[in-house]
Structures are given as structure tokens and as C-alpha cells.
Amino acid sequence: MKIGITMRSDYIKSYNETRDQLDRRWFDLLSELSLTTVLIPNIGNKIESYIDALSLDGFILSGGNDICPDTLNIENKSLTNCSKERDLTELTICKYAFENNLPVLGVCRGMQLINVFFKGRLNFGIKGHTAVEHNINFVDDKFVNIYGNGKYRVNSYHSHFISKNVLGENLIAGSFSDDQVIESLRHTTEKFFGIMWHPERYDKFKKEDIKFIKNIFL
């Protein structure tokens, strides 16, 4: 199976280049599931004809970058590490997947993008969630069946977050941190899932994450 995965967008000033980049560990993680990784460039709404030609079986929206203020319809000067092309690329992918009944997994920023696609919003300025590990508690059966219903420890690399009052249409929380930040979610009827931790950033991939990703795509 071929899974398209999006990439972060970075401007390299010394070369005057905008580069799409991805942690190589994603290839290792998906290889454990015998999934073929297909890189998705940030080319805006032109991406639809590109992914249509590839006949992909699903998508992963990876981490990195802020979502642009214009995409969120807000004014926020702290959102500087953003890419309009990436936002449009991923929103177009969500629309394509929704219309073609294809599974989507959003990781960190990717989960936030899914929330925005389903008309949700973001909160800003959370503390204790950047470059740390913390406990979460699963509350939805589809997650509990994989991760259990006790405390589960995850890595965390985000400063923006989703709370219950900004959750998108037909999305439900899968887990919460101790300070009530939503740490995972899913759509009630469509194959859209999101997690705020990074399964690719562990030296040894967690068996629960492997099972979770397998259940989405296989």
C-alpha cells in the first residue's frame, strides 16, 4: 500500500530556496508496516492532480510549521513559521480524502490541520507541552482498545493546542492530557484520525503506535 506523507516547508536564506523536508525516521516506521512512503510536495491546490495520478491508499499529515493566520482567519503575529502553500496542500488533501473515502492520520500540526478542515479552531500559548514527555488518558473506545485506559506517556512538541470548546464538527476527543488538552481525536463517521505526539521520534517505535497506524491503513 502507498501512503502519501506531507512535509514541512522551510526557507533556506543562504540558498534562497524553499525546501520540503521530512524526518527519515518516517520511512523506518512505515517500513515496519510494509507501507510504501510517497512524499507529497507543497504545491497548493495543484496537488489534487498529482495525488490522483499516484493512486494512493491514504495520507499522513506530518508535523512541523505553524498553520498560517490567514488559514485560521485570525491575527496572530506569533505564527511566523508558516507556509500558505503547505496549508493549501494539506487542506486539498483532506478534501480529496474526504470525497474518496481514504484514511488520513494527522500528527501534531497534522491533527490541528484536520481540526481546522472540519471547521474547528486552535488555542495558543500552552506551557509544559514543548520538548517534554507527559501523561495522557484515553477516553474513546477506539483508542482505549489499542492504548489501554490507564495513564500513557507520550512525547510532546507543540505550543498550540485543541480544547473541547474549539473541536471541529463531528470530531471527538480520543484522549486528554492532565491539563485537559486534547491529545488525540477522530471523526465520528470518516477515516480521519489525529494524535499530538510523534510516533516516529522514538528510538524504538512503540508497539501501540504500530498497531494504531496499522488499524488506520491496513
C-alpha atoms as a PDB file:
ATOM      1  CA  MET A   1       0.000   0.000   0.000  1.00  0.00           C
ATOM      2  CA  LYS A   2       1.145   3.522  -0.829  1.00  0.00           C
ATOM      3  CA  ILE A   3       0.752   6.227   1.806  1.00  0.00           C
ATOM      4  CA  GLY A   4       1.313   9.849   0.860  1.00  0.00           C
ATOM      5  CA  ILE A   5       3.012  11.893   3.571  1.00  0.00           C
ATOM      6  CA  THR A   6       3.284  15.667   3.691  1.00  0.00           C
ATOM      7  CA  MET A   7       6.453  17.553   4.570  1.00  0.00           C
ATOM      8  CA  ARG A   8       7.419  20.650   6.483  1.00  0.00           C
ATOM      9  CA  SER A   9       8.300  23.713   4.401  1.00  0.00           C
ATOM     10  CA  ASP A  10      11.433  25.727   5.269  1.00  0.00           C
ATOM     11  CA  TYR A  11      13.005  28.736   3.574  1.00  0.00           C
ATOM     12  CA  ILE A  12      16.802  28.462   3.443  1.00  0.00           C
ATOM     13  CA  LYS A  13      18.007  32.051   3.213  1.00  0.00           C
ATOM     14  CA  SER A  14      21.632  31.282   2.307  1.00  0.00           C
ATOM     15  CA  TYR A  15      20.464  29.396  -0.804  1.00  0.00           C
ATOM     16  CA  ASN A  16      17.302  31.416  -1.482  1.00  0.00           C
ATOM     17  CA  GLU A  17      15.419  28.123  -1.615  1.00  0.00           C
ATOM     18  CA  THR A  18      12.170  26.869  -0.133  1.00  0.00           C
ATOM     19  CA  ARG A  19      12.636  23.211   0.743  1.00  0.00           C
ATOM     20  CA  ASP A  20      10.175  20.471   1.657  1.00  0.00           C
ATOM     21  CA  GLN A  21      11.685  18.233   4.342  1.00  0.00           C
ATOM     22  CA  LEU A  22      10.784  15.097   6.292  1.00  0.00           C
ATOM     23  CA  ASP A  23      12.354  13.194   9.164  1.00  0.00           C
ATOM     24  CA  ARG A  24      13.861   9.990   7.718  1.00  0.00           C
ATOM     25  CA  ARG A  25      12.508   8.030  10.651  1.00  0.00           C
ATOM     26  CA  TRP A  26       9.074   8.132   8.994  1.00  0.00           C
ATOM     27  CA  PHE A  27      10.419   5.742   6.331  1.00  0.00           C
ATOM     28  CA  ASP A  28      11.609   3.339   9.026  1.00  0.00           C
ATOM     29  CA  LEU A  29       8.293   3.477  10.879  1.00  0.00           C
ATOM     30  CA  LEU A  30       6.132   2.857   7.808  1.00  0.00           C
ATOM     31  CA  SER A  31       8.502   0.169   6.581  1.00  0.00           C
ATOM     32  CA  GLU A  32       7.715  -1.834   9.726  1.00  0.00           C
ATOM     33  CA  LEU A  33       4.146  -1.959   8.437  1.00  0.00           C
ATOM     34  CA  SER A  34       5.207  -2.763   4.860  1.00  0.00           C
ATOM     35  CA  LEU A  35       3.758   0.584   3.741  1.00  0.00           C
ATOM     36  CA  THR A  36       5.377   2.466   0.876  1.00  0.00           C
ATOM     37  CA  THR A  37       6.113   6.103   1.724  1.00  0.00           C
ATOM     38  CA  VAL A  38       5.272   8.603  -1.024  1.00  0.00           C
ATOM     39  CA  LEU A  39       6.439  12.191  -0.451  1.00  0.00           C
ATOM     40  CA  ILE A  40       3.906  14.940  -1.110  1.00  0.00           C
ATOM     41  CA  PRO A  41       5.328  18.312  -2.217  1.00  0.00           C
ATOM     42  CA  ASN A  42       3.789  21.565  -1.043  1.00  0.00           C
ATOM     43  CA  ILE A  43       2.331  22.815  -4.323  1.00  0.00           C
ATOM     44  CA  GLY A  44      -1.039  24.100  -3.148  1.00  0.00           C
ATOM     45  CA  ASN A  45      -4.237  23.090  -4.908  1.00  0.00           C
ATOM     46  CA  LYS A  46      -2.218  21.673  -7.826  1.00  0.00           C
ATOM     47  CA  ILE A  47      -1.634  18.696  -5.559  1.00  0.00           C
ATOM     48  CA  GLU A  48      -5.004  17.123  -6.442  1.00  0.00           C
ATOM     49  CA  SER A  49      -3.998  16.025  -9.955  1.00  0.00           C
ATOM     50  CA  TYR A  50      -0.634  14.849  -8.575  1.00  0.00           C
ATOM     51  CA  ILE A  51      -2.103  12.593  -5.901  1.00  0.00           C
ATOM     52  CA  ASP A  52      -4.863  11.408  -8.218  1.00  0.00           C
ATOM     53  CA  ALA A  53      -2.219  10.096 -10.629  1.00  0.00           C
ATOM     54  CA  LEU A  54      -0.435   8.246  -7.813  1.00  0.00           C
ATOM     55  CA  SER A  55      -3.472   6.158  -6.756  1.00  0.00           C
ATOM     56  CA  LEU A  56      -2.586   6.467  -3.071  1.00  0.00           C
ATOM     57  CA  ASP A  57      -4.242   4.409  -0.345  1.00  0.00           C
ATOM     58  CA  GLY A  58      -4.157   7.055   2.390  1.00  0.00           C
ATOM     59  CA  PHE A  59      -2.335  10.058   3.785  1.00  0.00           C
ATOM     60  CA  ILE A  60      -0.280  11.187   6.763  1.00  0.00           C
ATOM     61  CA  LEU A  61      -0.161  14.896   7.573  1.00  0.00           C
ATOM     62  CA  SER A  62       3.181  15.245   9.331  1.00  0.00           C
ATOM     63  CA  GLY A  63       4.362  17.739  11.943  1.00  0.00           C
ATOM     64  CA  GLY A  64       6.315  20.973  11.654  1.00  0.00           C
ATOM     65  CA  ASN A  65       5.368  24.573  10.757  1.00  0.00           C
ATOM     66  CA  ASP A  66       2.620  26.722  12.210  1.00  0.00           C
ATOM     67  CA  ILE A  67      -0.710  26.967  10.452  1.00  0.00           C
ATOM     68  CA  CYS A  68      -0.882  30.439   8.901  1.00  0.00           C
ATOM     69  CA  PRO A  69      -3.060  33.176  10.467  1.00  0.00           C
ATOM     70  CA  ASP A  70      -4.837  33.673   7.119  1.00  0.00           C
ATOM     71  CA  THR A  71      -5.791  29.990   7.064  1.00  0.00           C
ATOM     72  CA  LEU A  72      -7.130  30.303  10.610  1.00  0.00           C
ATOM     73  CA  ASN A  73      -8.882  33.615   9.832  1.00  0.00           C
ATOM     74  CA  ILE A  74      -7.184  35.305  12.775  1.00  0.00           C
ATOM     75  CA  GLU A  75      -4.491  37.862  13.513  1.00  0.00           C
ATOM     76  CA  ASN A  76      -1.579  36.356  15.405  1.00  0.00           C
ATOM     77  CA  LYS A  77       1.914  37.770  14.967  1.00  0.00           C
ATOM     78  CA  SER A  78       3.498  34.822  16.797  1.00  0.00           C
ATOM     79  CA  LEU A  79       2.625  32.465  13.914  1.00  0.00           C
ATOM     80  CA  THR A  80       5.736  33.130  11.831  1.00  0.00           C
ATOM     81  CA  ASN A  81       6.970  29.642  10.905  1.00  0.00           C
ATOM     82  CA  CYS A  82       4.196  29.003   8.430  1.00  0.00           C
ATOM     83  CA  SER A  83       3.634  28.187   4.769  1.00  0.00           C
ATOM     84  CA  LYS A  84       0.488  29.132   2.848  1.00  0.00           C
ATOM     85  CA  GLU A  85       1.416  26.565   0.197  1.00  0.00           C
ATOM     86  CA  ARG A  86       1.582  23.818   2.798  1.00  0.00           C
ATOM     87  CA  ASP A  87      -1.724  24.828   4.349  1.00  0.00           C
ATOM     88  CA  LEU A  88      -3.452  24.750   0.960  1.00  0.00           C
ATOM     89  CA  THR A  89      -1.764  21.471   0.016  1.00  0.00           C
ATOM     90  CA  GLU A  90      -2.977  19.726   3.170  1.00  0.00           C
ATOM     91  CA  LEU A  91      -6.474  21.200   3.064  1.00  0.00           C
ATOM     92  CA  THR A  92      -6.759  19.993  -0.541  1.00  0.00           C
ATOM     93  CA  ILE A  93      -5.579  16.528   0.561  1.00  0.00           C
ATOM     94  CA  CYS A  94      -8.226  16.463   3.303  1.00  0.00           C
ATOM     95  CA  LYS A  95     -10.922  17.385   0.792  1.00  0.00           C
ATOM     96  CA  TYR A  96      -9.674  14.723  -1.638  1.00  0.00           C
ATOM     97  CA  ALA A  97      -9.549  12.061   1.079  1.00  0.00           C
ATOM     98  CA  PHE A  98     -12.994  13.006   2.368  1.00  0.00           C
ATOM     99  CA  GLU A  99     -14.519  12.772  -1.101  1.00  0.00           C
ATOM    100  CA  ASN A 100     -12.749   9.485  -1.924  1.00  0.00           C
ATOM    101  CA  ASN A 101     -13.198   7.738   1.443  1.00  0.00           C
ATOM    102  CA  LEU A 102      -9.451   7.495   2.086  1.00  0.00           C
ATOM    103  CA  PRO A 103      -7.879   7.353   5.578  1.00  0.00           C
ATOM    104  CA  VAL A 104      -5.927  10.296   6.977  1.00  0.00           C
ATOM    105  CA  LEU A 105      -3.667  10.415  10.026  1.00  0.00           C
ATOM    106  CA  GLY A 106      -2.655  13.838  11.308  1.00  0.00           C
ATOM    107  CA  VAL A 107       0.391  14.092  13.579  1.00  0.00           C
ATOM    108  CA  CYS A 108       0.835  17.172  15.787  1.00  0.00           C
ATOM    109  CA  ARG A 109       0.358  20.037  13.308  1.00  0.00           C
ATOM    110  CA  GLY A 110      -1.416  17.481  11.108  1.00  0.00           C
ATOM    111  CA  MET A 111      -4.022  16.859  13.813  1.00  0.00           C
ATOM    112  CA  GLN A 112      -4.515  20.610  14.168  1.00  0.00           C
ATOM    113  CA  LEU A 113      -4.963  20.917  10.391  1.00  0.00           C
ATOM    114  CA  ILE A 114      -7.641  18.210  10.457  1.00  0.00           C
ATOM    115  CA  ASN A 115      -9.445  20.159  13.167  1.00  0.00           C
ATOM    116  CA  VAL A 116      -9.303  23.316  11.026  1.00  0.00           C
ATOM    117  CA  PHE A 117     -10.569  21.398   7.967  1.00  0.00           C
ATOM    118  CA  PHE A 118     -13.637  20.354   9.953  1.00  0.00           C
ATOM    119  CA  LYS A 119     -14.281  23.997  10.946  1.00  0.00           C
ATOM    120  CA  GLY A 120     -12.551  23.843  14.317  1.00  0.00           C
ATOM    121  CA  ARG A 121     -10.112  26.373  15.751  1.00  0.00           C
ATOM    122  CA  LEU A 122      -6.872  26.424  17.753  1.00  0.00           C
ATOM    123  CA  ASN A 123      -5.816  27.698  21.152  1.00  0.00           C
ATOM    124  CA  PHE A 124      -2.399  29.257  21.689  1.00  0.00           C
ATOM    125  CA  GLY A 125       0.212  29.569  24.395  1.00  0.00           C
ATOM    126  CA  ILE A 126       0.095  26.239  26.224  1.00  0.00           C
ATOM    127  CA  LYS A 127       3.000  25.569  28.595  1.00  0.00           C
ATOM    128  CA  GLY A 128       4.524  22.212  29.506  1.00  0.00           C
ATOM    129  CA  HIS A 129       3.979  20.625  26.080  1.00  0.00           C
ATOM    130  CA  THR A 130       7.157  21.586  24.204  1.00  0.00           C
ATOM    131  CA  ALA A 131      10.100  19.139  24.057  1.00  0.00           C
ATOM    132  CA  VAL A 132       8.850  17.141  27.060  1.00  0.00           C
ATOM    133  CA  GLU A 133       7.109  13.876  27.868  1.00  0.00           C
ATOM    134  CA  HIS A 134       3.831  13.831  29.781  1.00  0.00           C
ATOM    135  CA  ASN A 135       0.922  11.558  30.639  1.00  0.00           C
ATOM    136  CA  ILE A 136      -2.337  11.323  28.743  1.00  0.00           C
ATOM    137  CA  ASN A 137      -5.526   9.408  29.422  1.00  0.00           C
ATOM    138  CA  PHE A 138      -7.602   7.781  26.651  1.00  0.00           C
ATOM    139  CA  VAL A 139     -11.366   8.271  26.783  1.00  0.00           C
ATOM    140  CA  ASP A 140     -12.646   6.934  23.450  1.00  0.00           C
ATOM    141  CA  ASP A 141     -13.091   3.195  22.898  1.00  0.00           C
ATOM    142  CA  LYS A 142     -11.307   3.108  19.532  1.00  0.00           C
ATOM    143  CA  PHE A 143      -8.178   4.427  21.239  1.00  0.00           C
ATOM    144  CA  VAL A 144      -8.656   2.594  24.535  1.00  0.00           C
ATOM    145  CA  ASN A 145      -8.777  -0.729  22.673  1.00  0.00           C
ATOM    146  CA  ILE A 146      -5.219  -0.093  21.467  1.00  0.00           C
ATOM    147  CA  TYR A 147      -3.578   2.069  24.119  1.00  0.00           C
ATOM    148  CA  GLY A 148      -5.496   0.987  27.235  1.00  0.00           C
ATOM    149  CA  ASN A 149      -7.476   3.101  29.688  1.00  0.00           C
ATOM    150  CA  GLY A 150      -4.710   3.963  32.138  1.00  0.00           C
ATOM    151  CA  LYS A 151      -2.097   6.690  32.039  1.00  0.00           C
ATOM    152  CA  TYR A 152       0.001   6.580  28.876  1.00  0.00           C
ATOM    153  CA  ARG A 153       3.210   8.554  28.381  1.00  0.00           C
ATOM    154  CA  VAL A 154       3.879  10.433  25.138  1.00  0.00           C
ATOM    155  CA  ASN A 155       6.401  12.877  23.744  1.00  0.00           C
ATOM    156  CA  SER A 156       5.211  16.435  23.132  1.00  0.00           C
ATOM    157  CA  TYR A 157       6.481  19.192  20.823  1.00  0.00           C
ATOM    158  CA  HIS A 158       3.668  21.738  20.487  1.00  0.00           C
ATOM    159  CA  SER A 159       2.750  25.150  21.854  1.00  0.00           C
ATOM    160  CA  HIS A 160      -0.653  25.445  20.128  1.00  0.00           C
ATOM    161  CA  PHE A 161      -3.463  23.139  21.165  1.00  0.00           C
ATOM    162  CA  ILE A 162      -7.060  21.997  20.829  1.00  0.00           C
ATOM    163  CA  SER A 163      -9.521  22.109  23.705  1.00  0.00           C
ATOM    164  CA  LYS A 164     -13.107  20.847  23.822  1.00  0.00           C
ATOM    165  CA  ASN A 165     -14.559  24.269  23.054  1.00  0.00           C
ATOM    166  CA  VAL A 166     -12.720  24.591  19.699  1.00  0.00           C
ATOM    167  CA  LEU A 167     -13.135  20.999  18.453  1.00  0.00           C
ATOM    168  CA  GLY A 168     -14.275  20.705  14.818  1.00  0.00           C
ATOM    169  CA  GLU A 169     -17.587  19.387  13.528  1.00  0.00           C
ATOM    170  CA  ASN A 170     -18.143  15.636  14.043  1.00  0.00           C
ATOM    171  CA  LEU A 171     -14.767  15.219  15.733  1.00  0.00           C
ATOM    172  CA  ILE A 172     -14.452  13.589  19.136  1.00  0.00           C
ATOM    173  CA  ALA A 173     -11.551  13.560  21.563  1.00  0.00           C
ATOM    174  CA  GLY A 174      -9.645  10.312  21.922  1.00  0.00           C
ATOM    175  CA  SER A 175      -7.503  11.371  24.886  1.00  0.00           C
ATOM    176  CA  PHE A 176      -6.643  14.265  27.179  1.00  0.00           C
ATOM    177  CA  SER A 177      -3.533  15.423  28.994  1.00  0.00           C
ATOM    178  CA  ASP A 178      -3.771  16.170  32.704  1.00  0.00           C
ATOM    179  CA  ASP A 179      -4.391  19.853  31.880  1.00  0.00           C
ATOM    180  CA  GLN A 180      -7.298  18.922  29.568  1.00  0.00           C
ATOM    181  CA  VAL A 181      -5.565  19.440  26.240  1.00  0.00           C
ATOM    182  CA  ILE A 182      -6.952  17.105  23.563  1.00  0.00           C
ATOM    183  CA  GLU A 183      -4.112  14.739  22.643  1.00  0.00           C
ATOM    184  CA  SER A 184      -5.881  12.621  20.015  1.00  0.00           C
ATOM    185  CA  LEU A 185      -9.117  12.737  18.041  1.00  0.00           C
ATOM    186  CA  ARG A 186     -11.128  11.028  15.340  1.00  0.00           C
ATOM    187  CA  HIS A 187     -14.048  11.757  13.071  1.00  0.00           C
ATOM    188  CA  THR A 188     -17.297  10.048  14.003  1.00  0.00           C
ATOM    189  CA  THR A 189     -18.004   8.696  10.507  1.00  0.00           C
ATOM    190  CA  GLU A 190     -14.987   9.358   8.273  1.00  0.00           C
ATOM    191  CA  LYS A 191     -11.481   7.827   8.370  1.00  0.00           C
ATOM    192  CA  PHE A 192      -9.770  10.864   9.894  1.00  0.00           C
ATOM    193  CA  PHE A 193      -7.575  10.437  12.971  1.00  0.00           C
ATOM    194  CA  GLY A 194      -5.190  12.713  14.815  1.00  0.00           C
ATOM    195  CA  ILE A 195      -2.520  12.415  17.502  1.00  0.00           C
ATOM    196  CA  MET A 196      -0.432  15.174  19.072  1.00  0.00           C
ATOM    197  CA  TRP A 197       2.633  13.032  19.824  1.00  0.00           C
ATOM    198  CA  HIS A 198       5.270  11.936  17.296  1.00  0.00           C
ATOM    199  CA  PRO A 199       5.416   8.138  16.856  1.00  0.00           C
ATOM    200  CA  GLU A 200       8.442   8.487  14.560  1.00  0.00           C
ATOM    201  CA  ARG A 201      10.604  10.193  17.204  1.00  0.00           C
ATOM    202  CA  TYR A 202      11.187   7.188  19.446  1.00  0.00           C
ATOM    203  CA  ASP A 203      14.455   5.252  19.257  1.00  0.00           C
ATOM    204  CA  LYS A 204      12.340   2.102  19.381  1.00  0.00           C
ATOM    205  CA  PHE A 205       8.885   2.513  17.913  1.00  0.00           C
ATOM    206  CA  LYS A 206       6.063   1.765  20.346  1.00  0.00           C
ATOM    207  CA  LYS A 207       4.023  -1.335  19.659  1.00  0.00           C
ATOM    208  CA  GLU A 208       0.817   0.578  20.418  1.00  0.00           C
ATOM    209  CA  ASP A 209       1.609   3.192  17.762  1.00  0.00           C
ATOM    210  CA  ILE A 210       2.403   0.440  15.269  1.00  0.00           C
ATOM    211  CA  LYS A 211      -0.963  -1.189  15.967  1.00  0.00           C
ATOM    212  CA  PHE A 212      -2.777   2.146  15.789  1.00  0.00           C
ATOM    213  CA  ILE A 213      -1.319   3.060  12.392  1.00  0.00           C
ATOM    214  CA  LYS A 214      -1.958  -0.482  11.148  1.00  0.00           C
ATOM    215  CA  ASN A 215      -5.635  -0.200  12.093  1.00  0.00           C
ATOM    216  CA  ILE A 216      -5.952   3.024  10.117  1.00  0.00           C
ATOM    217  CA  PHE A 217      -4.318   1.934   6.857  1.00  0.00           C
ATOM    218  CA  LEU A 218      -4.400  -1.859   6.725  1.00  0.00           C
END
